[in-house]
Amino acid sequence: VQLVESGGGLVQAGDSLRLSCAASGDTFRINAMAWYRQAPGKQRELVATITSTGGSTTYADSVKGRFAISKDYAENTMYLQMNNRKPEDTAVYYCNARVLELFRVADTWGQGTQVTVSS
């Protein structure tokens, strides 16, 4: 499975932005997907998760009510709609997939996309 993020950029506080994560390869082996982010000097943190069917989602407290994770099954693409952006949302955003292998579940990562929010 390969993951490619897109949609990052520079936005002003309060603006909206949508990130995309296109999955390719053996996508049928994807168990769940998620968005993480890492700000300069900080550890990578979980932002939102979605199950393989899209039936269940979770969010970090810091983004609840502002961000929405979704998945287009037909396009094998996951999205993160980010509304009411804040300067503290500035980070590199990473797409993650939990891929079922023969005897384990492996984490697969995209290359990351930079999102910068100016105040």
Protein backbone atom coordinates (compact mmCIF):
# COMPACT_ATOMS: atom_id res chain seq x y z
CA VAL A 1 0.00 0.00 0.00
CA GLN A 2 1.26 3.48 -0.89
CA LEU A 3 -0.11 6.76 0.43
CA VAL A 4 0.25 10.22 -1.13
CA GLU A 5 -0.98 13.36 0.63
CA SER A 6 -1.89 16.61 -1.05
CA GLY A 7 -3.67 19.86 -0.30
CA GLY A 8 -1.35 21.51 2.17
CA GLY A 9 -0.39 25.16 2.01
CA LEU A 10 -0.52 28.52 3.70
CA VAL A 11 -3.86 29.74 5.03
CA GLN A 12 -5.00 32.49 7.33
CA ALA A 13 -6.56 31.82 10.70
CA GLY A 14 -10.25 31.08 10.32
CA ASP A 15 -9.92 29.82 6.78
CA SER A 16 -10.68 26.28 5.61
CA LEU A 17 -8.50 23.73 3.90
CA ARG A 18 -8.97 20.16 2.78
CA LEU A 19 -6.22 17.57 2.75
CA SER A 20 -6.36 14.44 0.60
CA CYS A 21 -4.64 11.08 0.97
CA ALA A 22 -4.72 8.81 -2.06
CA ALA A 23 -4.10 5.14 -1.40
CA SER A 24 -2.86 2.71 -4.05
CA GLY A 25 -1.72 -0.88 -4.18
CA ASP A 26 -3.46 -3.57 -2.12
CA THR A 27 -5.98 -1.19 -0.60
CA PHE A 28 -8.26 -4.07 0.34
CA ARG A 29 -5.77 -4.83 3.12
CA ILE A 30 -6.31 -1.46 4.81
CA ASN A 31 -7.95 -1.93 8.19
CA ALA A 32 -8.24 1.69 9.27
CA MET A 33 -6.80 5.08 8.36
CA ALA A 34 -5.85 8.19 10.25
CA TRP A 35 -4.36 11.65 10.07
CA TYR A 36 -1.45 12.61 12.30
CA ARG A 37 0.42 15.88 12.56
CA GLN A 38 3.78 16.99 13.84
CA ALA A 39 4.58 20.57 14.74
CA PRO A 40 8.17 21.81 14.96
CA GLY A 41 9.84 20.57 18.14
CA LYS A 42 6.86 18.43 19.12
CA GLN A 43 5.96 14.77 18.93
CA ARG A 44 3.70 13.44 16.23
CA GLU A 45 0.10 13.46 17.45
CA LEU A 46 -3.06 11.71 16.33
CA VAL A 47 -5.61 14.06 14.77
CA ALA A 48 -8.43 11.81 13.55
CA THR A 49 -9.19 8.21 12.66
CA ILE A 50 -11.67 6.44 10.40
CA THR A 51 -12.48 2.76 10.02
CA SER A 52 -12.10 0.99 6.70
CA THR A 53 -15.84 1.21 6.05
CA GLY A 54 -16.01 4.84 7.16
CA GLY A 55 -18.60 3.94 9.74
CA SER A 56 -16.70 5.17 12.78
CA THR A 57 -14.53 8.22 13.36
CA THR A 58 -12.62 9.68 16.29
CA TYR A 59 -10.99 13.08 16.84
CA ALA A 60 -8.43 14.65 19.09
CA ASP A 61 -10.00 17.09 21.54
CA SER A 62 -8.06 19.94 19.98
CA VAL A 63 -9.80 19.55 16.61
CA LYS A 64 -13.28 18.34 17.57
CA GLY A 65 -15.97 20.40 15.96
CA ARG A 66 -13.50 21.97 13.50
CA PHE A 67 -12.06 19.07 11.51
CA ALA A 68 -13.87 16.28 9.70
CA ILE A 69 -12.35 13.04 8.42
CA SER A 70 -13.99 11.16 5.57
CA LYS A 71 -13.27 8.53 2.97
CA ASP A 72 -14.26 8.02 -0.64
CA TYR A 73 -14.33 4.28 -1.12
CA ALA A 74 -14.53 4.37 -4.89
CA GLU A 75 -11.52 6.68 -5.19
CA ASN A 76 -9.52 5.06 -2.35
CA THR A 77 -9.00 8.53 -0.98
CA MET A 78 -9.23 9.85 2.56
CA TYR A 79 -9.88 13.50 3.35
CA LEU A 80 -9.42 15.87 6.24
CA GLN A 81 -11.62 18.94 6.07
CA MET A 82 -10.15 21.58 8.34
CA ASN A 83 -12.35 24.55 9.24
CA ASN A 84 -11.74 27.52 11.50
CA ARG A 85 -8.00 26.97 11.33
CA LYS A 86 -5.85 28.23 14.19
CA PRO A 87 -2.12 29.06 14.23
CA GLU A 88 -1.56 26.07 16.51
CA ASP A 89 -2.76 23.82 13.69
CA THR A 90 0.48 24.58 11.85
CA ALA A 91 2.27 21.27 11.32
CA VAL A 92 3.23 18.63 8.83
CA TYR A 93 0.21 16.42 8.35
CA TYR A 94 0.71 12.71 7.71
CA CYS A 95 -1.65 10.12 6.34
CA ASN A 96 -1.54 6.72 8.04
CA ALA A 97 -2.99 3.34 7.13
CA ARG A 98 -3.06 0.22 9.25
CA VAL A 99 -2.43 -2.57 6.75
CA LEU A 100 -3.28 -6.19 7.46
CA GLU A 101 -0.37 -8.50 6.72
CA LEU A 102 -0.10 -12.25 7.21
CA PHE A 103 0.57 -12.24 10.95
CA ARG A 104 0.50 -8.61 11.94
CA VAL A 105 -0.85 -5.16 11.30
CA ALA A 106 1.69 -2.74 9.87
CA ASP A 107 1.65 1.04 9.80
CA THR A 108 2.11 2.69 6.41
CA TRP A 109 2.80 6.43 6.15
CA GLY A 110 2.60 9.07 3.49
CA GLN A 111 5.36 11.60 2.91
CA GLY A 112 3.55 14.41 4.74
CA THR A 113 2.17 17.74 3.64
CA GLN A 114 2.96 21.08 5.28
CA VAL A 115 0.09 23.19 6.56
CA THR A 116 0.84 26.67 7.86
CA VAL A 117 -1.77 28.89 9.49
CA SER A 118 -0.94 32.57 9.82
CA SER A 119 -2.59 34.73 12.44
